[in-house]
């Protein structure tokens, strides 16, 4: 960390913790492990301009229940905001790109092609002591080979 630049790196691990049933339309678990290196960087100017990005790359392992392996994925979240009193007001969103093809042992499984999505929307963050409340609305402005939609996020962050 420096006065205006803050960086962090880590590794997220997604574990197939719930029961996965390939016949269910919706599952709590994806049914496979994912290893996700993460790098985040934020620049906050003395005047309160916030430029932030979080870069992630997903290495998906095979789903043993389906013998299907989802392709590797790159995704990035971004924020451009200005501090106004106790709030940060701005725009944010994400970019998602599937980098490698899915693989299946069953030749009858059709390949869907690589997914891609770009989203943008307004957001506001309110800070009070060690608590932040963040509201985001994101609309996908471009997608390929995946469902398209809008998202509303409400996050509560508490520092311990």
Protein backbone atom coordinates (compact mmCIF):
# COMPACT_ATOMS: atom_id res chain seq x y z
CA UNK A 1 0.00 0.00 0.00
CA UNK A 2 1.02 3.58 -0.65
CA UNK A 3 -0.80 6.82 0.12
CA UNK A 4 -3.04 6.59 -2.97
CA UNK A 5 -2.59 3.05 -4.32
CA UNK A 6 -3.74 -0.13 -2.61
CA UNK A 7 -3.14 -3.66 -3.97
CA UNK A 8 -3.98 -7.17 -2.85
CA UNK A 9 -3.47 -10.63 -4.28
CA UNK A 10 -4.88 -13.95 -3.22
CA UNK A 11 -6.29 -17.30 -4.20
CA UNK A 12 -9.99 -18.11 -3.94
CA UNK A 13 -10.95 -21.79 -3.85
CA UNK A 14 -14.49 -22.88 -4.70
CA UNK A 15 -15.35 -26.24 -3.16
CA UNK A 16 -18.19 -28.53 -4.31
CA UNK A 17 -19.78 -28.59 -0.86
CA UNK A 18 -23.43 -29.36 -1.62
CA UNK A 19 -24.96 -32.36 -3.34
CA UNK A 20 -24.90 -31.98 -7.11
CA UNK A 21 -27.59 -33.65 -9.21
CA UNK A 22 -27.14 -33.42 -12.97
CA UNK A 23 -30.91 -33.89 -13.43
CA UNK A 24 -31.76 -30.75 -11.41
CA UNK A 25 -32.16 -27.51 -13.36
CA UNK A 26 -30.66 -25.53 -10.46
CA UNK A 27 -27.95 -26.72 -8.07
CA UNK A 28 -26.49 -25.01 -5.00
CA UNK A 29 -23.08 -26.36 -5.97
CA UNK A 30 -21.43 -26.40 -9.39
CA UNK A 31 -20.20 -29.88 -8.55
CA UNK A 32 -16.52 -29.18 -9.16
CA UNK A 33 -13.52 -27.39 -7.71
CA UNK A 34 -12.37 -24.01 -9.03
CA UNK A 35 -9.03 -22.35 -8.28
CA UNK A 36 -9.16 -18.59 -8.79
CA UNK A 37 -6.07 -16.35 -8.52
CA UNK A 38 -7.19 -12.78 -7.71
CA UNK A 39 -5.47 -9.42 -8.02
CA UNK A 40 -7.09 -6.18 -6.92
CA UNK A 41 -5.86 -2.62 -7.26
CA UNK A 42 -7.40 0.70 -6.18
CA UNK A 43 -6.22 4.23 -6.83
CA UNK A 44 -7.83 6.95 -4.69
CA UNK A 45 -6.76 10.50 -5.50
CA UNK A 46 -6.43 13.24 -2.89
CA UNK A 47 -9.62 14.77 -4.32
CA UNK A 48 -11.59 11.51 -3.79
CA UNK A 49 -11.57 9.93 -7.26
CA UNK A 50 -11.65 6.12 -6.95
CA UNK A 51 -10.43 3.89 -9.80
CA UNK A 52 -10.60 0.21 -8.85
CA UNK A 53 -10.26 -3.15 -10.61
CA UNK A 54 -10.35 -6.75 -9.45
CA UNK A 55 -8.91 -9.28 -11.92
CA UNK A 56 -9.71 -13.01 -11.60
CA UNK A 57 -8.84 -16.14 -13.59
CA UNK A 58 -10.78 -19.37 -12.97
CA UNK A 59 -9.22 -22.82 -13.41
CA UNK A 60 -12.24 -25.13 -13.34
CA UNK A 61 -11.68 -28.80 -12.58
CA UNK A 62 -13.84 -31.62 -13.93
CA UNK A 63 -17.28 -32.38 -12.51
CA UNK A 64 -16.95 -36.08 -11.60
CA UNK A 65 -20.75 -36.54 -11.67
CA UNK A 66 -21.08 -35.45 -15.30
CA UNK A 67 -17.54 -35.96 -16.70
CA UNK A 68 -17.83 -32.36 -17.89
CA UNK A 69 -15.13 -29.73 -17.52
CA UNK A 70 -16.06 -26.07 -17.89
CA UNK A 71 -13.54 -23.89 -19.69
CA UNK A 72 -11.18 -21.49 -17.98
CA UNK A 73 -12.58 -18.00 -17.38
CA UNK A 74 -11.18 -14.48 -17.04
CA UNK A 75 -13.31 -11.83 -15.37
CA UNK A 76 -12.76 -8.34 -14.05
CA UNK A 77 -14.87 -6.07 -11.86
CA UNK A 78 -14.35 -2.31 -12.08
CA UNK A 79 -15.39 0.90 -10.35
CA UNK A 80 -15.02 4.58 -11.19
CA UNK A 81 -16.43 6.72 -8.36
CA UNK A 82 -16.14 10.10 -6.68
CA UNK A 83 -16.31 10.72 -2.93
CA UNK A 84 -19.17 13.03 -1.98
CA UNK A 85 -19.35 13.48 1.81
CA UNK A 86 -19.62 10.00 3.41
CA UNK A 87 -20.62 8.45 0.06
CA UNK A 88 -18.90 7.27 -3.08
CA UNK A 89 -21.02 7.73 -6.21
CA UNK A 90 -20.09 6.33 -9.58
CA UNK A 91 -20.30 3.59 -12.16
CA UNK A 92 -19.14 0.01 -12.08
CA UNK A 93 -19.55 -3.30 -13.77
CA UNK A 94 -17.71 -6.31 -15.06
CA UNK A 95 -16.19 -8.01 -18.06
CA UNK A 96 -16.35 -11.81 -18.39
CA UNK A 97 -14.69 -13.96 -21.05
CA UNK A 98 -14.48 -17.74 -21.20
CA UNK A 99 -10.94 -18.43 -22.44
CA UNK A 100 -10.89 -22.16 -23.21
CA UNK A 101 -13.57 -24.54 -24.52
CA UNK A 102 -15.67 -26.78 -22.29
CA UNK A 103 -14.82 -30.48 -22.51
CA UNK A 104 -17.15 -33.46 -22.20
CA UNK A 105 -16.49 -37.20 -22.35
CA UNK A 106 -19.96 -37.73 -23.88
CA UNK A 107 -19.81 -36.95 -27.63
CA UNK A 108 -23.57 -36.21 -27.72
CA UNK A 109 -23.08 -33.15 -25.51
CA UNK A 110 -23.23 -30.09 -27.74
CA UNK A 111 -20.57 -27.44 -27.30
CA UNK A 112 -22.15 -24.08 -26.58
CA UNK A 113 -19.16 -21.90 -27.48
CA UNK A 114 -17.24 -19.58 -25.23
CA UNK A 115 -19.26 -17.25 -23.03
CA UNK A 116 -18.73 -13.49 -22.85
CA UNK A 117 -20.48 -10.66 -20.99
CA UNK A 118 -20.02 -6.95 -20.39
CA UNK A 119 -22.02 -5.12 -17.72
CA UNK A 120 -22.23 -1.52 -16.54
CA UNK A 121 -24.37 0.44 -14.12
CA UNK A 122 -24.61 2.98 -11.30
CA UNK A 123 -23.41 2.32 -7.80
CA UNK A 124 -23.19 4.07 -4.47
CA UNK A 125 -21.24 3.23 -1.31
CA UNK A 126 -21.92 4.70 2.12
CA UNK A 127 -19.13 4.52 4.73
CA UNK A 128 -19.65 4.78 8.48
CA UNK A 129 -16.69 4.01 10.74
CA UNK A 130 -15.69 0.42 9.84
CA UNK A 131 -18.90 -0.38 7.96
CA UNK A 132 -19.68 0.09 4.27
CA UNK A 133 -23.06 -0.36 2.56
CA UNK A 134 -22.80 -0.75 -1.21
CA UNK A 135 -25.69 -0.74 -3.70
CA UNK A 136 -25.08 -1.60 -7.37
CA UNK A 137 -27.33 -2.02 -10.37
CA UNK A 138 -25.69 -3.67 -13.37
CA UNK A 139 -27.15 -4.31 -16.80
CA UNK A 140 -25.46 -6.58 -19.29
CA UNK A 141 -24.92 -4.57 -22.46
CA UNK A 142 -23.41 -7.42 -24.48
CA UNK A 143 -23.40 -11.20 -24.03
CA UNK A 144 -22.53 -14.28 -26.05
CA UNK A 145 -23.34 -17.93 -25.33
CA UNK A 146 -24.82 -17.33 -21.87
CA UNK A 147 -28.00 -15.92 -20.30
CA UNK A 148 -28.30 -12.13 -20.32
CA UNK A 149 -29.86 -10.05 -17.56
CA UNK A 150 -29.68 -7.32 -14.98
CA UNK A 151 -28.39 -7.57 -11.42
CA UNK A 152 -29.01 -5.62 -8.25
CA UNK A 153 -26.40 -6.06 -5.50
CA UNK A 154 -26.65 -4.90 -1.91
CA UNK A 155 -23.47 -5.59 0.08
CA UNK A 156 -22.70 -4.92 3.73
CA UNK A 157 -18.99 -4.91 4.58
CA UNK A 158 -17.67 -4.79 8.15
CA UNK A 159 -13.99 -4.55 9.09
CA UNK A 160 -12.96 -6.41 12.22
